Amino acid sequence: MSDKIINAIANELNVKVIQVSQAVQMLDDGSTVFFILRLRK
């Protein structure tokens, strides 16, 4: 995903760019949304 899109998402959600980048990478690697949510807790 392009840096421009990642930056826009990070700004919209008020989170760090690295957080969005890591979430996108996990999704690209095949992780499900539910798996990512469980890691968050």
N, C-alpha and C. Protein backbone atom coordinates (compact mmCIF):
# COMPACT_ATOMS: atom_id res chain seq x y z
N MET A 1 0.87 -1.17 0.00
CA MET A 1 0.00 0.00 0.00
C MET A 1 0.91 1.23 0.00
N SER A 2 0.48 2.27 -0.66
CA SER A 2 1.35 3.44 -0.80
C SER A 2 1.44 4.21 0.53
N ASP A 3 2.55 4.88 0.70
CA ASP A 3 2.78 5.67 1.91
C ASP A 3 1.73 6.77 2.05
N LYS A 4 1.29 7.32 0.93
CA LYS A 4 0.29 8.39 0.97
C LYS A 4 -1.01 7.89 1.59
N ILE A 5 -1.42 6.69 1.21
CA ILE A 5 -2.67 6.12 1.75
C ILE A 5 -2.50 5.77 3.23
N ILE A 6 -1.36 5.19 3.57
CA ILE A 6 -1.10 4.84 4.98
C ILE A 6 -1.09 6.09 5.85
N ASN A 7 -0.47 7.16 5.37
CA ASN A 7 -0.45 8.42 6.12
C ASN A 7 -1.86 8.99 6.28
N ALA A 8 -2.67 8.91 5.23
CA ALA A 8 -4.04 9.41 5.30
C ALA A 8 -4.86 8.62 6.32
N ILE A 9 -4.70 7.30 6.33
CA ILE A 9 -5.42 6.47 7.30
C ILE A 9 -4.97 6.81 8.72
N ALA A 10 -3.67 6.93 8.92
CA ALA A 10 -3.14 7.25 10.25
C ALA A 10 -3.66 8.59 10.74
N ASN A 11 -3.70 9.58 9.86
CA ASN A 11 -4.21 10.89 10.24
C ASN A 11 -5.69 10.84 10.57
N GLU A 12 -6.44 10.12 9.77
CA GLU A 12 -7.89 10.01 9.98
C GLU A 12 -8.22 9.32 11.31
N LEU A 13 -7.43 8.32 11.65
CA LEU A 13 -7.69 7.55 12.88
C LEU A 13 -6.93 8.08 14.10
N ASN A 14 -6.10 9.10 13.88
CA ASN A 14 -5.28 9.67 14.96
C ASN A 14 -4.40 8.62 15.63
N VAL A 15 -3.73 7.83 14.79
CA VAL A 15 -2.78 6.83 15.28
C VAL A 15 -1.45 7.06 14.57
N LYS A 16 -0.42 6.36 15.03
CA LYS A 16 0.90 6.49 14.42
C LYS A 16 0.94 5.75 13.09
N VAL A 17 1.75 6.26 12.20
CA VAL A 17 1.90 5.66 10.87
C VAL A 17 2.39 4.22 11.00
N ILE A 18 3.29 3.97 11.93
CA ILE A 18 3.84 2.61 12.11
C ILE A 18 2.73 1.63 12.49
N GLN A 19 1.74 2.07 13.24
CA GLN A 19 0.63 1.19 13.62
C GLN A 19 -0.17 0.77 12.40
N VAL A 20 -0.45 1.71 11.53
CA VAL A 20 -1.18 1.39 10.31
C VAL A 20 -0.34 0.49 9.42
N SER A 21 0.93 0.79 9.29
CA SER A 21 1.82 -0.02 8.45
C SER A 21 1.88 -1.46 8.94
N GLN A 22 1.98 -1.64 10.24
CA GLN A 22 2.05 -2.98 10.79
C GLN A 22 0.73 -3.73 10.61
N ALA A 23 -0.39 -3.05 10.77
CA ALA A 23 -1.69 -3.69 10.57
C ALA A 23 -1.85 -4.11 9.11
N VAL A 24 -1.46 -3.26 8.19
CA VAL A 24 -1.53 -3.59 6.76
C VAL A 24 -0.63 -4.77 6.45
N GLN A 25 0.56 -4.78 7.02
CA GLN A 25 1.49 -5.89 6.79
C GLN A 25 0.90 -7.20 7.30
N MET A 26 0.28 -7.17 8.47
CA MET A 26 -0.34 -8.38 9.03
C MET A 26 -1.46 -8.88 8.13
N LEU A 27 -2.27 -7.97 7.62
CA LEU A 27 -3.35 -8.37 6.71
C LEU A 27 -2.77 -8.93 5.41
N ASP A 28 -1.72 -8.33 4.91
CA ASP A 28 -1.06 -8.83 3.70
C ASP A 28 -0.49 -10.23 3.91
N ASP A 29 -0.05 -10.49 5.13
CA ASP A 29 0.54 -11.79 5.45
C ASP A 29 -0.52 -12.87 5.70
N GLY A 30 -1.80 -12.48 5.68
CA GLY A 30 -2.87 -13.46 5.82
C GLY A 30 -3.57 -13.48 7.16
N SER A 31 -3.19 -12.61 8.07
CA SER A 31 -3.87 -12.56 9.36
C SER A 31 -5.29 -12.05 9.17
N THR A 32 -6.20 -12.56 9.99
CA THR A 32 -7.58 -12.10 9.93
C THR A 32 -7.75 -10.90 10.86
N VAL A 33 -8.82 -10.17 10.65
CA VAL A 33 -9.12 -9.02 11.51
C VAL A 33 -9.32 -9.48 12.94
N PHE A 34 -10.00 -10.62 13.13
CA PHE A 34 -10.24 -11.13 14.48
C PHE A 34 -8.93 -11.48 15.19
N PHE A 35 -7.97 -12.02 14.46
CA PHE A 35 -6.66 -12.33 15.03
C PHE A 35 -5.96 -11.05 15.49
N ILE A 36 -5.99 -10.04 14.65
CA ILE A 36 -5.35 -8.77 14.99
C ILE A 36 -6.02 -8.14 16.21
N LEU A 37 -7.34 -8.21 16.27
CA LEU A 37 -8.06 -7.66 17.43
C LEU A 37 -7.67 -8.38 18.71
N ARG A 38 -7.50 -9.68 18.65
CA ARG A 38 -7.10 -10.43 19.86
C ARG A 38 -5.70 -10.04 20.30
N LEU A 39 -4.80 -9.76 19.36
CA LEU A 39 -3.45 -9.33 19.72
C LEU A 39 -3.46 -7.99 20.44
N ARG A 40 -4.43 -7.19 20.13
CA ARG A 40 -4.53 -5.84 20.69
C ARG A 40 -4.81 -5.85 22.18
N LYS A 41 -5.48 -6.88 22.65
CA LYS A 41 -5.89 -6.94 24.07
C LYS A 41 -4.76 -7.27 24.99
